[in-house]
Protein backbone atom coordinates (compact mmCIF):
# COMPACT_ATOMS: atom_id res chain seq x y z
CA MET A 1 56.01 53.68 47.29
CA PRO A 2 57.72 56.24 49.64
CA ILE A 3 61.27 56.96 49.53
CA GLN A 4 63.22 55.03 52.03
CA PRO A 5 66.20 56.20 54.04
CA ALA A 6 68.39 53.61 52.20
CA ASP A 7 67.49 55.24 48.91
CA VAL A 8 68.74 58.58 50.08
CA SER A 9 71.92 56.94 51.74
CA ARG A 10 72.64 55.27 48.40
CA PHE A 11 71.93 58.39 46.39
CA LEU A 12 74.39 60.29 48.72
CA ASP A 13 77.02 57.48 48.32
CA ARG A 14 76.68 57.39 44.53
CA SER A 15 76.51 60.98 43.95
CA GLY A 16 79.10 62.21 46.26
CA TRP A 17 76.59 64.90 47.61
CA SER A 18 76.69 65.91 51.16
CA GLN A 19 73.49 65.75 53.40
CA ALA A 20 73.63 69.48 53.50
CA GLN A 21 73.73 69.83 49.53
CA LEU A 22 70.65 67.58 49.49
CA ALA A 23 68.79 69.55 52.15
CA TRP A 24 69.56 72.72 50.41
CA THR A 25 68.25 71.39 47.07
CA LEU A 26 64.95 70.12 48.92
CA GLY A 27 64.61 73.56 50.73
CA ILE A 28 64.84 71.87 54.04
CA ASN A 29 67.62 71.70 56.75
CA GLN A 30 70.34 69.22 57.08
CA PRO A 31 69.39 67.70 60.43
CA ARG A 32 66.00 66.46 58.90
CA ILE A 33 67.92 64.62 56.41
CA SER A 34 70.31 63.10 59.06
CA ARG A 35 67.36 62.21 61.31
CA PHE A 36 65.51 60.48 58.34
CA ILE A 37 68.41 58.60 57.22
CA THR A 38 69.41 57.38 60.67
CA GLY A 39 65.69 56.31 61.53
CA LEU A 40 65.33 58.81 64.31
CA LYS A 41 62.33 60.54 62.73
CA LYS A 42 59.86 59.58 60.28
CA PRO A 43 59.47 62.19 57.43
CA ASN A 44 56.82 64.63 57.88
CA PRO A 45 54.60 65.27 54.77
CA GLN A 46 56.93 68.20 53.46
CA LEU A 47 60.04 65.88 53.57
CA GLN A 48 58.33 63.01 51.93
CA ALA A 49 56.84 65.28 49.37
CA ALA A 50 60.21 66.89 48.59
CA LEU A 51 61.92 63.49 48.58
CA GLU A 52 59.32 61.91 46.20
CA THR A 53 59.37 65.03 43.95
CA PHE A 54 63.30 65.01 43.63
CA PHE A 55 63.73 61.25 43.13
CA ALA A 56 60.77 61.05 40.48
CA HIS A 57 61.85 64.17 38.56
CA ASP A 58 65.37 65.47 39.06
CA PRO A 59 67.75 63.82 36.51
CA ARG A 60 70.63 63.96 39.12
CA ALA A 61 68.74 61.48 41.54
CA GLY A 62 67.89 58.74 39.28
CA ALA A 63 65.39 56.14 40.19
CA PRO A 64 65.26 55.04 43.77
CA THR A 65 66.26 51.35 44.08
CA SER A 66 64.26 50.33 47.27
CA ARG A 67 64.94 46.75 48.28
CA SER A 68 64.96 44.88 51.66
CA ASP A 69 68.41 45.36 53.00
């Protein structure tokens, strides 16, 4: 299941990370994170792959908890 904007928002809230810190870790720029979270843009394949890898393998991320909000 693809990572959803709510997963990223919950991670940022839970971890205290900034969008910029997550973007740097993923190797992308912060506006891409912001546009994804706010729903202005769907993730391109690079962002989706980076998010899936981060949430699946990085112990800082934990498992995403997607649900219908």
